[in-house]
Amino acid sequence: MLHGYKLLRVLGAGGFGITYLAYDANLDRKVAIKEFFPRSHVVRKNGIEVVPGSESQGDFIRNGLECGHRPGNVIKAAV
């Protein structure tokens, strides 16, 4: 479980993200979750944490994460 979601499988991946099929325990249903993962700018640390690939890419990542946390930009849909 990760933040109330059980990740079931990867639905797809592209240049800026990975989409997962997950189970939302609070809603008792499956949902799709988009993870911000611009693979040319980040690396995965400890198997779960996403960090900038270099110090110079930190601003790019922070801006992308900030956009994703604004109301209306949360990407979660019932499946």
N, C-alpha and C. Protein backbone atom coordinates (compact mmCIF):
# COMPACT_ATOMS: atom_id res chain seq x y z
N MET A 1 0.85 -1.19 0.00
CA MET A 1 0.00 0.00 0.00
C MET A 1 0.89 1.24 0.00
N LEU A 2 0.49 2.20 -0.76
CA LEU A 2 1.20 3.47 -0.85
C LEU A 2 0.18 4.58 -0.82
N HIS A 3 0.12 5.32 0.28
CA HIS A 3 -0.84 6.43 0.46
C HIS A 3 -2.28 5.97 0.24
N GLY A 4 -2.61 4.78 0.69
CA GLY A 4 -3.97 4.27 0.58
C GLY A 4 -4.27 3.56 -0.74
N TYR A 5 -3.28 3.45 -1.60
CA TYR A 5 -3.46 2.78 -2.89
C TYR A 5 -2.62 1.52 -2.96
N LYS A 6 -3.17 0.49 -3.53
CA LYS A 6 -2.41 -0.72 -3.81
C LYS A 6 -2.16 -0.72 -5.31
N LEU A 7 -0.90 -0.60 -5.70
CA LEU A 7 -0.56 -0.60 -7.13
C LEU A 7 -0.71 -2.02 -7.66
N LEU A 8 -1.50 -2.15 -8.73
CA LEU A 8 -1.78 -3.46 -9.30
C LEU A 8 -0.88 -3.78 -10.49
N ARG A 9 -0.73 -2.78 -11.40
CA ARG A 9 0.14 -2.99 -12.56
C ARG A 9 0.34 -1.68 -13.31
N VAL A 10 1.34 -1.68 -14.18
CA VAL A 10 1.60 -0.53 -15.04
C VAL A 10 0.68 -0.62 -16.24
N LEU A 11 -0.02 0.49 -16.53
CA LEU A 11 -0.88 0.55 -17.72
C LEU A 11 -0.11 1.09 -18.92
N GLY A 12 0.82 1.99 -18.65
CA GLY A 12 1.60 2.56 -19.74
C GLY A 12 2.64 3.52 -19.21
N ALA A 13 3.61 3.86 -20.07
CA ALA A 13 4.66 4.79 -19.68
C ALA A 13 5.07 5.60 -20.90
N GLY A 14 5.41 6.85 -20.65
CA GLY A 14 5.86 7.73 -21.72
C GLY A 14 7.02 8.57 -21.23
N GLY A 15 7.31 9.63 -21.96
CA GLY A 15 8.44 10.48 -21.65
C GLY A 15 8.32 11.24 -20.35
N PHE A 16 7.07 11.52 -19.90
CA PHE A 16 6.91 12.32 -18.69
C PHE A 16 6.15 11.63 -17.57
N GLY A 17 5.79 10.37 -17.75
CA GLY A 17 5.08 9.75 -16.65
C GLY A 17 4.81 8.27 -16.85
N ILE A 18 4.32 7.68 -15.77
CA ILE A 18 3.93 6.27 -15.74
C ILE A 18 2.51 6.22 -15.21
N THR A 19 1.65 5.48 -15.89
CA THR A 19 0.26 5.33 -15.45
C THR A 19 0.07 3.93 -14.89
N TYR A 20 -0.51 3.89 -13.69
CA TYR A 20 -0.71 2.63 -12.98
C TYR A 20 -2.19 2.33 -12.81
N LEU A 21 -2.55 1.07 -12.80
CA LEU A 21 -3.84 0.63 -12.33
C LEU A 21 -3.65 0.36 -10.85
N ALA A 22 -4.51 0.94 -10.02
CA ALA A 22 -4.37 0.79 -8.58
C ALA A 22 -5.73 0.55 -7.95
N TYR A 23 -5.71 0.08 -6.72
CA TYR A 23 -6.94 -0.09 -5.95
C TYR A 23 -6.95 0.97 -4.87
N ASP A 24 -8.02 1.77 -4.81
CA ASP A 24 -8.20 2.80 -3.80
C ASP A 24 -9.02 2.21 -2.66
N ALA A 25 -8.37 1.97 -1.53
CA ALA A 25 -9.03 1.35 -0.38
C ALA A 25 -10.13 2.23 0.19
N ASN A 26 -9.96 3.56 0.11
CA ASN A 26 -10.97 4.47 0.64
C ASN A 26 -12.25 4.46 -0.19
N LEU A 27 -12.10 4.36 -1.52
CA LEU A 27 -13.27 4.34 -2.41
C LEU A 27 -13.75 2.93 -2.73
N ASP A 28 -12.94 1.93 -2.36
CA ASP A 28 -13.25 0.53 -2.65
C ASP A 28 -13.46 0.30 -4.14
N ARG A 29 -12.52 0.84 -4.95
CA ARG A 29 -12.60 0.62 -6.40
C ARG A 29 -11.24 0.84 -7.05
N LYS A 30 -11.13 0.39 -8.29
CA LYS A 30 -9.90 0.57 -9.04
C LYS A 30 -9.85 1.98 -9.61
N VAL A 31 -8.62 2.52 -9.67
CA VAL A 31 -8.39 3.84 -10.23
C VAL A 31 -7.12 3.80 -11.07
N ALA A 32 -6.96 4.80 -11.93
CA ALA A 32 -5.72 4.98 -12.68
C ALA A 32 -4.98 6.15 -12.03
N ILE A 33 -3.69 5.98 -11.82
CA ILE A 33 -2.87 7.01 -11.20
C ILE A 33 -1.70 7.32 -12.13
N LYS A 34 -1.49 8.61 -12.40
CA LYS A 34 -0.38 9.04 -13.23
C LYS A 34 0.75 9.55 -12.33
N GLU A 35 1.92 8.96 -12.46
CA GLU A 35 3.09 9.39 -11.71
C GLU A 35 3.94 10.29 -12.59
N PHE A 36 4.28 11.48 -12.08
CA PHE A 36 5.18 12.39 -12.79
C PHE A 36 6.57 11.77 -12.75
N PHE A 37 7.06 11.34 -13.91
CA PHE A 37 8.35 10.67 -13.99
C PHE A 37 9.01 10.99 -15.33
N PRO A 38 9.52 12.24 -15.46
CA PRO A 38 10.21 12.59 -16.71
C PRO A 38 11.56 11.88 -16.77
N ARG A 39 11.57 10.74 -17.41
CA ARG A 39 12.70 9.81 -17.29
C ARG A 39 14.05 10.38 -17.73
N SER A 40 14.05 11.44 -18.54
CA SER A 40 15.34 12.02 -18.92
C SER A 40 15.85 13.00 -17.86
N HIS A 41 15.05 13.25 -16.81
CA HIS A 41 15.43 14.23 -15.79
C HIS A 41 15.48 13.66 -14.38
N VAL A 42 15.01 12.43 -14.16
CA VAL A 42 14.94 11.89 -12.80
C VAL A 42 15.48 10.46 -12.73
N VAL A 43 15.71 10.02 -11.51
CA VAL A 43 16.07 8.63 -11.24
C VAL A 43 15.24 8.17 -10.05
N ARG A 44 15.05 6.87 -9.94
CA ARG A 44 14.31 6.31 -8.81
C ARG A 44 15.33 5.88 -7.75
N LYS A 45 15.09 6.33 -6.52
CA LYS A 45 16.00 6.05 -5.40
C LYS A 45 15.30 5.11 -4.42
N ASN A 46 15.99 4.12 -3.97
CA ASN A 46 15.45 3.15 -3.01
C ASN A 46 14.20 2.44 -3.52
N GLY A 47 14.06 2.34 -4.83
CA GLY A 47 12.94 1.62 -5.41
C GLY A 47 11.61 2.36 -5.39
N ILE A 48 11.55 3.54 -4.78
CA ILE A 48 10.25 4.22 -4.70
C ILE A 48 10.35 5.74 -4.87
N GLU A 49 11.37 6.37 -4.28
CA GLU A 49 11.49 7.82 -4.32
C GLU A 49 12.03 8.29 -5.67
N VAL A 50 11.45 9.36 -6.20
CA VAL A 50 11.90 9.94 -7.46
C VAL A 50 12.67 11.21 -7.14
N VAL A 51 13.91 11.29 -7.63
CA VAL A 51 14.76 12.45 -7.36
C VAL A 51 15.36 12.96 -8.67
N PRO A 52 15.74 14.26 -8.72
CA PRO A 52 16.38 14.79 -9.93
C PRO A 52 17.63 13.99 -10.28
N GLY A 53 17.83 13.80 -11.57
CA GLY A 53 19.01 13.06 -12.03
C GLY A 53 20.29 13.82 -11.79
N SER A 54 20.19 15.15 -11.73
CA SER A 54 21.35 15.98 -11.43
C SER A 54 20.88 17.22 -10.68
N GLU A 55 21.80 17.89 -10.05
CA GLU A 55 21.45 19.09 -9.28
C GLU A 55 20.83 20.16 -10.17
N SER A 56 21.30 20.26 -11.42
CA SER A 56 20.80 21.30 -12.33
C SER A 56 19.35 21.06 -12.77
N GLN A 57 18.83 19.87 -12.60
CA GLN A 57 17.46 19.56 -13.02
C GLN A 57 16.44 19.68 -11.89
N GLY A 58 16.90 20.09 -10.71
CA GLY A 58 16.02 20.22 -9.55
C GLY A 58 14.88 21.19 -9.77
N ASP A 59 15.14 22.36 -10.37
CA ASP A 59 14.08 23.34 -10.61
C ASP A 59 13.01 22.79 -11.54
N PHE A 60 13.44 22.09 -12.59
CA PHE A 60 12.49 21.49 -13.54
C PHE A 60 11.55 20.53 -12.82
N ILE A 61 12.11 19.70 -11.96
CA ILE A 61 11.32 18.71 -11.23
C ILE A 61 10.40 19.40 -10.23
N ARG A 62 10.90 20.37 -9.48
CA ARG A 62 10.05 21.09 -8.52
C ARG A 62 8.88 21.77 -9.21
N ASN A 63 9.12 22.40 -10.34
CA ASN A 63 8.04 23.06 -11.09
C ASN A 63 7.00 22.05 -11.57
N GLY A 64 7.46 20.92 -12.06
CA GLY A 64 6.54 19.88 -12.52
C GLY A 64 5.70 19.32 -11.39
N LEU A 65 6.32 19.10 -10.25
CA LEU A 65 5.59 18.59 -9.09
C LEU A 65 4.60 19.63 -8.57
N GLU A 66 4.99 20.89 -8.58
CA GLU A 66 4.10 21.95 -8.12
C GLU A 66 2.85 22.03 -9.00
N CYS A 67 3.01 21.90 -10.29
CA CYS A 67 1.86 21.93 -11.21
C CYS A 67 0.92 20.76 -10.94
N GLY A 68 1.47 19.62 -10.65
CA GLY A 68 0.66 18.43 -10.39
C GLY A 68 -0.11 18.48 -9.10
N HIS A 69 0.29 19.34 -8.17
CA HIS A 69 -0.37 19.43 -6.87
C HIS A 69 -1.39 20.55 -6.80
N ARG A 70 -1.57 21.29 -7.87
CA ARG A 70 -2.57 22.35 -7.88
C ARG A 70 -3.96 21.74 -8.03
N PRO A 71 -4.97 22.31 -7.36
CA PRO A 71 -6.33 21.79 -7.53
C PRO A 71 -6.72 21.76 -9.00
N GLY A 72 -7.38 20.70 -9.39
CA GLY A 72 -7.78 20.55 -10.78
C GLY A 72 -6.77 19.81 -11.63
N ASN A 73 -5.55 19.65 -11.11
CA ASN A 73 -4.52 18.96 -11.85
C ASN A 73 -4.23 17.57 -11.30
N VAL A 74 -4.96 17.17 -10.28
CA VAL A 74 -4.76 15.84 -9.73
C VAL A 74 -5.29 14.83 -10.74
N ILE A 75 -4.44 13.88 -11.08
CA ILE A 75 -4.81 12.92 -12.11
C ILE A 75 -5.13 11.58 -11.45
N LYS A 76 -6.38 11.34 -11.24
CA LYS A 76 -6.83 10.07 -10.69
C LYS A 76 -8.22 9.84 -11.26
N ALA A 77 -8.44 8.74 -11.89
CA ALA A 77 -9.75 8.49 -12.50
C ALA A 77 -10.24 7.10 -12.16
N ALA A 78 -11.53 6.99 -11.98
CA ALA A 78 -12.11 5.66 -11.73
C ALA A 78 -11.98 4.83 -12.98
N VAL A 79 -11.71 3.55 -12.80
CA VAL A 79 -11.56 2.62 -13.93
C VAL A 79 -12.71 1.65 -13.89
